[in-house]
Amino acid sequence: MFSRLFGFNRRSFSSLSEQEVLALAISSEEDDARIYRAYADGLAGEYPHSAAMFEEMAAEEDRHRGALIDLHRRRFGNRIPLIRREHVRGYYQRRPDWLVRPLGLGHVRAQAAIMEAEAQRFYTEAAKRTQDTDTRQLLGDLAAAEQKHETLAGQLEQKHLDTDAREAEDRAERRQFILTYVQPGLAGLMDGSVSTLAPIFAAAFATGDTWQTFLVGLAASIGAGISMGFTEVASDDGVISGRGSPVKRGVTTGVMTALGGLGHALPYLIPHFWTATIIAFIVVFMELWAIAFIQNRYMDTPWSRATFQVVLGGALVFAAGMLIGNA
């Protein structure tokens, strides 16, 4: 366990022979080609232009791998040592983000540039540190190849993603983000912020006890979060509606519901009743404006209508809580 944690079973890059460096480059090119194809598979359904770009990038990685294999065959024969990036201490790693679905369009575009830049930078720095002429030449050639890859990535993006295609895919990604996260989160925040106003302030004005009020708010917030989360998961599996993973939507809804209620319950941890109540008023005001902002920013709801809906609803629930608490 400790050897894995601290890398005791890994080779240092400086200890690798020229054949092993070449074998490492071959395996790295193969891995990157497979990553690009995984990106293409994950994007093909909704972002076909980006998928085509990654397919071509994978094919280019295959061509470079073939050239490296030919070079190895000429210099060292047909037997390529088994050495991969995880066997070398300090070598750049690839996070398995291609396993996550759905893929983030902006993330994978940026990740492609990072992948090529990391490889190019590593080879360049490695070439500077070696004194062996042949090894320096080999590393320099690899750095130049990766620099060409990085340039190629930009050329392929221009080829497959003209202005209209990029805008269409960006709109589709924004729509998916809104359906999967913003709408469920907004529903949860509204429910948690507004629906818990009545029980919390009713308990506050009925008892005048900050601790009892906090317990009521805590129970109401967590209970509402659990209820809203499970309701969101059960309401739609996302297959037909295209709203995305029900688990992601449920977690988002549940967490935001609980946070919406806890926002104005936490001030009642302050033992002084009116200090806690005034701070809770301020928090409620901030929550309502946050809801209005999200509606305007992501749902294209006019400020006037968003403000009217949120403030009116919050005021009615707040008034109900005060009336019940003072009854």
Protein backbone atom coordinates (compact mmCIF):
# COMPACT_ATOMS: atom_id res chain seq x y z
CA MET A 1 0.00 0.00 0.00
CA PHE A 2 2.74 2.45 0.96
CA SER A 3 4.71 1.66 -2.17
CA ARG A 4 1.68 2.62 -4.28
CA LEU A 5 1.02 5.74 -2.25
CA PHE A 6 4.55 7.11 -2.41
CA GLY A 7 5.48 5.71 -5.80
CA PHE A 8 8.28 3.44 -4.55
CA ASN A 9 7.53 0.92 -7.28
CA ARG A 10 7.83 3.51 -10.07
CA ARG A 11 10.83 4.28 -12.20
CA SER A 12 12.28 7.75 -12.41
CA PHE A 13 12.29 9.22 -15.88
CA SER A 14 16.05 9.75 -15.72
CA SER A 15 16.58 6.01 -15.30
CA LEU A 16 14.80 5.08 -18.53
CA SER A 17 16.78 3.98 -21.54
CA GLU A 18 16.14 5.43 -24.98
CA GLN A 19 14.17 2.31 -25.90
CA GLU A 20 12.03 2.65 -22.78
CA VAL A 21 11.39 6.34 -23.48
CA LEU A 22 10.26 5.44 -26.97
CA ALA A 23 8.05 2.64 -25.60
CA LEU A 24 6.56 5.12 -23.12
CA ALA A 25 5.78 7.53 -25.95
CA ILE A 26 4.11 4.75 -27.93
CA SER A 27 1.86 3.71 -25.04
CA SER A 28 1.03 7.36 -24.28
CA GLU A 29 -0.01 8.02 -27.87
CA GLU A 30 -2.19 4.89 -27.81
CA ASP A 31 -3.86 5.94 -24.54
CA ASP A 32 -4.56 9.45 -25.82
CA ALA A 33 -6.12 8.09 -29.01
CA ARG A 34 -8.44 5.92 -26.94
CA ILE A 35 -9.35 8.88 -24.73
CA TYR A 36 -10.23 10.98 -27.79
CA ARG A 37 -12.43 8.18 -29.11
CA ALA A 38 -14.15 7.96 -25.73
CA TYR A 39 -14.79 11.70 -25.94
CA ALA A 40 -16.20 11.23 -29.44
CA ASP A 41 -18.50 8.42 -28.29
CA GLY A 42 -19.76 10.50 -25.37
CA LEU A 43 -20.46 13.54 -27.55
CA ALA A 44 -21.78 11.88 -30.70
CA GLY A 45 -25.45 11.97 -29.74
CA GLU A 46 -25.80 15.67 -28.91
CA TYR A 47 -22.62 17.28 -30.28
CA PRO A 48 -21.78 15.57 -33.60
CA HIS A 49 -19.40 18.29 -34.80
CA SER A 50 -17.22 18.03 -31.71
CA ALA A 51 -17.40 14.24 -31.92
CA ALA A 52 -16.07 14.35 -35.48
CA MET A 53 -13.21 16.60 -34.33
CA PHE A 54 -12.17 14.11 -31.63
CA GLU A 55 -12.42 11.17 -34.05
CA GLU A 56 -9.95 12.92 -36.35
CA MET A 57 -7.66 13.77 -33.45
CA ALA A 58 -7.68 10.10 -32.44
CA ALA A 59 -6.76 9.11 -35.99
CA GLU A 60 -3.86 11.59 -35.91
CA GLU A 61 -2.63 10.07 -32.64
CA ASP A 62 -2.76 6.65 -34.35
CA ARG A 63 -0.60 7.95 -37.19
CA HIS A 64 1.99 9.31 -34.78
CA ARG A 65 1.97 6.06 -32.82
CA GLY A 66 2.58 4.19 -36.07
CA ALA A 67 5.55 6.44 -36.84
CA LEU A 68 6.97 5.87 -33.37
CA ILE A 69 6.56 2.10 -33.74
CA ASP A 70 8.41 2.22 -37.08
CA LEU A 71 11.22 4.16 -35.40
CA HIS A 72 11.40 1.62 -32.58
CA ARG A 73 11.48 -1.25 -35.09
CA ARG A 74 14.41 0.34 -36.94
CA ARG A 75 16.44 1.08 -33.82
CA PHE A 76 15.52 -1.65 -31.33
CA GLY A 77 13.57 -4.37 -33.14
CA ASN A 78 9.99 -5.61 -32.86
CA ARG A 79 9.74 -6.21 -29.10
CA ILE A 80 8.39 -3.07 -27.41
CA PRO A 81 8.88 -2.99 -23.62
CA LEU A 82 5.71 -2.76 -21.55
CA ILE A 83 5.93 0.63 -19.87
CA ARG A 84 3.09 3.06 -19.30
CA ARG A 85 2.75 6.52 -17.78
CA GLU A 86 1.65 5.12 -14.41
CA HIS A 87 4.97 3.23 -14.21
CA VAL A 88 7.05 6.43 -14.30
CA ARG A 89 7.38 8.75 -11.34
CA GLY A 90 6.54 12.37 -12.19
CA TYR A 91 5.10 11.58 -15.62
CA TYR A 92 1.88 13.41 -16.51
CA GLN A 93 -1.32 11.55 -15.71
CA ARG A 94 -4.74 11.48 -17.33
CA ARG A 95 -7.78 11.83 -15.10
CA PRO A 96 -10.55 9.37 -16.06
CA ASP A 97 -13.05 12.12 -16.86
CA TRP A 98 -13.96 10.34 -20.11
CA LEU A 99 -15.80 7.77 -17.96
CA VAL A 100 -18.28 10.35 -16.68
CA ARG A 101 -21.56 10.78 -18.56
CA PRO A 102 -22.75 13.14 -19.76
CA LEU A 103 -19.49 14.73 -20.84
CA GLY A 104 -19.13 18.47 -20.40
CA LEU A 105 -18.62 19.95 -23.85
CA GLY A 106 -16.49 22.89 -22.76
CA HIS A 107 -14.50 20.67 -20.41
CA VAL A 108 -13.46 18.12 -23.04
CA ARG A 109 -12.56 20.82 -25.55
CA ALA A 110 -10.28 22.41 -23.00
CA GLN A 111 -8.97 19.03 -21.84
CA ALA A 112 -7.83 18.18 -25.37
CA ALA A 113 -5.63 21.27 -25.45
CA ILE A 114 -4.31 20.48 -21.96
CA MET A 115 -3.45 16.91 -22.95
CA GLU A 116 -1.33 18.01 -25.89
CA ALA A 117 0.29 20.87 -23.97
CA GLU A 118 1.22 18.57 -21.04
CA ALA A 119 2.88 16.04 -23.33
CA GLN A 120 4.77 18.73 -25.25
CA ARG A 121 5.93 20.46 -22.07
CA PHE A 122 7.09 17.22 -20.48
CA TYR A 123 9.16 16.18 -23.47
CA THR A 124 10.68 19.66 -23.77
CA GLU A 125 11.70 19.80 -20.11
CA ALA A 126 13.01 16.23 -20.21
CA ALA A 127 15.15 17.08 -23.24
CA LYS A 128 16.70 20.03 -21.37
CA ARG A 129 17.78 17.83 -18.47
CA THR A 130 19.53 15.09 -20.42
CA GLN A 131 23.18 15.18 -21.47
CA ASP A 132 23.03 12.26 -23.87
CA THR A 133 22.93 13.47 -27.45
CA ASP A 134 20.78 10.68 -28.83
CA THR A 135 18.30 10.87 -25.96
CA ARG A 136 18.14 14.66 -26.28
CA GLN A 137 17.41 14.32 -29.98
CA LEU A 138 14.73 11.73 -29.33
CA LEU A 139 12.99 13.83 -26.68
CA GLY A 140 13.20 16.91 -28.88
CA ASP A 141 11.53 15.05 -31.73
CA LEU A 142 8.76 13.92 -29.41
CA ALA A 143 8.26 17.48 -28.15
CA ALA A 144 8.02 18.74 -31.73
CA ALA A 145 5.47 16.04 -32.53
CA GLU A 146 3.33 17.05 -29.55
CA GLN A 147 3.59 20.71 -30.56
CA LYS A 148 2.21 19.75 -33.95
CA HIS A 149 -0.59 17.88 -32.20
CA GLU A 150 -1.50 20.99 -30.20
CA THR A 151 -1.59 23.07 -33.38
CA LEU A 152 -3.60 20.37 -35.11
CA ALA A 153 -6.21 20.47 -32.34
CA GLY A 154 -6.86 24.12 -33.10
CA GLN A 155 -7.00 23.46 -36.85
CA LEU A 156 -9.47 20.60 -36.42
CA GLU A 157 -11.66 22.71 -34.16
CA GLN A 158 -11.84 25.37 -36.88
CA LYS A 159 -12.56 22.70 -39.49
CA HIS A 160 -15.39 20.94 -37.66
CA LEU A 161 -16.72 23.77 -35.50
CA ASP A 162 -17.64 26.80 -37.54
CA THR A 163 -19.46 29.65 -35.80
CA ASP A 164 -22.94 28.21 -36.33
CA ALA A 165 -21.96 24.70 -35.20
CA ARG A 166 -20.20 25.98 -32.07
CA GLU A 167 -23.12 28.22 -31.14
CA ALA A 168 -25.60 25.38 -31.66
CA GLU A 169 -23.59 23.00 -29.46
CA ASP A 170 -23.05 25.66 -26.81
CA ARG A 171 -26.80 26.29 -26.71
CA ALA A 172 -27.48 22.58 -26.38
CA GLU A 173 -24.98 22.29 -23.51
CA ARG A 174 -26.46 25.31 -21.72
CA ARG A 175 -29.95 23.84 -22.12
CA GLN A 176 -28.81 20.52 -20.65
CA PHE A 177 -27.15 22.28 -17.72
CA ILE A 178 -30.35 24.20 -17.01
CA LEU A 179 -32.55 21.10 -17.23
CA THR A 180 -30.29 18.93 -15.07
CA TYR A 181 -29.08 21.38 -12.45
CA VAL A 182 -30.59 24.87 -12.61
CA GLN A 183 -34.29 23.99 -12.75
CA PRO A 184 -34.16 21.30 -10.02
CA GLY A 185 -31.89 23.49 -7.89
CA LEU A 186 -34.15 26.50 -8.33
CA ALA A 187 -37.23 24.47 -7.42
CA GLY A 188 -35.48 23.21 -4.33
CA LEU A 189 -34.24 26.64 -3.28
CA MET A 190 -37.69 28.14 -3.73
CA ASP A 191 -39.36 25.35 -1.78
CA GLY A 192 -36.78 25.40 1.00
CA SER A 193 -36.70 29.18 1.30
CA VAL A 194 -40.42 29.87 1.04
CA SER A 195 -42.14 26.81 2.50
CA THR A 196 -40.08 26.83 5.70
CA LEU A 197 -40.77 30.49 6.42
CA ALA A 198 -44.14 29.74 8.00
CA PRO A 199 -43.07 27.00 10.44
CA ILE A 200 -39.85 28.74 11.44
CA PHE A 201 -41.33 32.16 12.14
CA ALA A 202 -44.48 30.64 13.60
CA ALA A 203 -42.30 28.75 16.06
CA ALA A 204 -40.22 31.85 16.72
CA PHE A 205 -43.13 34.13 17.62
CA ALA A 206 -45.10 31.40 19.39
CA THR A 207 -42.30 30.32 21.72
CA GLY A 208 -39.83 33.20 21.77
CA ASP A 209 -37.21 30.48 22.26
CA THR A 210 -34.34 30.58 19.75
CA TRP A 211 -33.21 26.99 20.38
CA GLN A 212 -36.69 25.54 19.89
CA THR A 213 -37.07 27.66 16.75
CA PHE A 214 -33.76 26.36 15.41
CA LEU A 215 -34.83 22.75 16.00
CA VAL A 216 -38.10 23.37 14.16
CA GLY A 217 -36.21 24.97 11.27
CA LEU A 218 -33.64 22.17 11.18
CA ALA A 219 -36.33 19.48 11.08
CA ALA A 220 -38.38 21.34 8.46
CA SER A 221 -35.34 21.97 6.23
CA ILE A 222 -33.93 18.46 6.32
CA GLY A 223 -37.36 16.87 5.99
CA ALA A 224 -38.20 19.07 3.02
CA GLY A 225 -34.83 18.32 1.41
CA ILE A 226 -35.29 14.57 1.68
CA SER A 227 -38.87 14.77 0.43
CA MET A 228 -38.06 17.03 -2.52
CA GLY A 229 -35.03 14.96 -3.48
CA PHE A 230 -36.93 11.69 -3.65
CA THR A 231 -39.83 13.36 -5.42
CA GLU A 232 -37.53 14.68 -8.14
CA VAL A 233 -35.88 11.28 -8.61
CA ALA A 234 -39.24 9.50 -8.87
CA SER A 235 -40.92 12.08 -11.08
CA ASP A 236 -38.86 11.66 -14.25
CA ASP A 237 -36.12 9.24 -15.33
CA GLY A 238 -34.90 11.81 -17.86
CA VAL A 239 -35.00 9.45 -20.84
CA ILE A 240 -37.92 10.99 -22.70
CA SER A 241 -37.72 14.53 -21.32
CA GLY A 242 -33.94 14.77 -21.78
CA ARG A 243 -33.57 16.33 -18.33
CA GLY A 244 -30.56 14.18 -17.46
CA SER A 245 -29.76 11.82 -14.62
CA PRO A 246 -32.56 11.59 -12.02
CA VAL A 247 -29.97 11.03 -9.29
CA LYS A 248 -28.14 14.26 -10.14
CA ARG A 249 -31.43 16.16 -10.27
CA GLY A 250 -32.60 14.62 -7.01
CA VAL A 251 -29.39 15.41 -5.16
CA THR A 252 -29.40 18.97 -6.50
CA THR A 253 -33.02 19.50 -5.51
CA GLY A 254 -32.60 17.96 -2.06
CA VAL A 255 -29.45 19.88 -1.20
CA MET A 256 -30.81 23.23 -2.38
CA THR A 257 -34.09 22.65 -0.53
CA ALA A 258 -32.26 21.96 2.72
CA LEU A 259 -29.96 24.95 2.24
CA GLY A 260 -32.91 27.22 1.49
CA GLY A 261 -34.50 26.36 4.82
CA LEU A 262 -31.32 26.26 6.88
CA GLY A 263 -30.38 29.75 5.71
CA HIS A 264 -32.94 31.40 7.96
CA ALA A 265 -32.92 28.66 10.62
CA LEU A 266 -29.23 28.95 11.49
CA PRO A 267 -29.52 32.52 12.87
CA TYR A 268 -31.60 31.10 15.71
CA LEU A 269 -28.46 29.53 17.10
CA ILE A 270 -27.92 33.04 18.46
CA PRO A 271 -29.50 33.08 21.93
CA HIS A 272 -30.81 36.67 21.68
CA PHE A 273 -34.29 36.43 20.11
CA TRP A 274 -34.52 39.76 18.27
CA THR A 275 -30.90 39.64 17.06
CA ALA A 276 -31.53 36.19 15.62
CA THR A 277 -34.86 37.25 14.10
CA ILE A 278 -33.44 40.37 12.43
CA ILE A 279 -30.57 38.35 10.94
CA ALA A 280 -33.10 35.75 9.75
CA PHE A 281 -35.08 38.55 8.06
CA ILE A 282 -31.91 39.69 6.25
CA VAL A 283 -31.13 36.12 5.16
CA VAL A 284 -34.65 35.67 3.82
CA PHE A 285 -34.32 38.88 1.84
CA MET A 286 -31.03 37.64 0.33
CA GLU A 287 -32.54 34.24 -0.49
CA LEU A 288 -35.51 35.77 -2.28
CA TRP A 289 -33.30 38.04 -4.35
CA ALA A 290 -31.03 35.09 -5.18
CA ILE A 291 -34.06 33.20 -6.50
CA ALA A 292 -35.10 36.20 -8.58
CA PHE A 293 -31.55 36.50 -9.96
CA ILE A 294 -31.42 32.83 -10.98
CA GLN A 295 -34.80 33.10 -12.68
CA ASN A 296 -33.63 36.14 -14.61
CA ARG A 297 -30.15 34.77 -15.40
CA TYR A 298 -31.00 31.23 -16.49
CA MET A 299 -34.74 31.13 -17.11
CA ASP A 300 -34.94 34.47 -18.96
CA THR A 301 -37.67 35.63 -16.61
CA PRO A 302 -38.01 39.45 -16.63
CA TRP A 303 -36.76 41.07 -13.43
CA SER A 304 -40.15 42.61 -12.68
CA ARG A 305 -42.04 39.32 -12.92
CA ALA A 306 -39.38 37.30 -11.08
CA THR A 307 -39.30 39.84 -8.26
CA PHE A 308 -43.08 40.02 -8.03
CA GLN A 309 -43.47 36.24 -7.90
CA VAL A 310 -40.77 35.65 -5.32
CA VAL A 311 -41.46 38.62 -3.07
CA LEU A 312 -45.24 38.14 -3.14
CA GLY A 313 -44.98 34.42 -2.38
CA GLY A 314 -42.44 34.97 0.38
CA ALA A 315 -44.46 37.78 1.91
CA LEU A 316 -47.65 35.71 1.99
CA VAL A 317 -45.95 32.73 3.62
CA PHE A 318 -44.08 34.97 6.08
CA ALA A 319 -47.31 36.73 7.04
CA ALA A 320 -49.02 33.38 7.55
CA GLY A 321 -46.22 32.28 9.85
CA MET A 322 -46.39 35.45 11.93
CA LEU A 323 -50.17 35.31 12.24
CA ILE A 324 -50.12 31.69 13.30
CA GLY A 325 -47.27 32.32 15.72
CA ASN A 326 -49.08 35.22 17.38
CA ALA A 327 -52.44 33.48 17.51
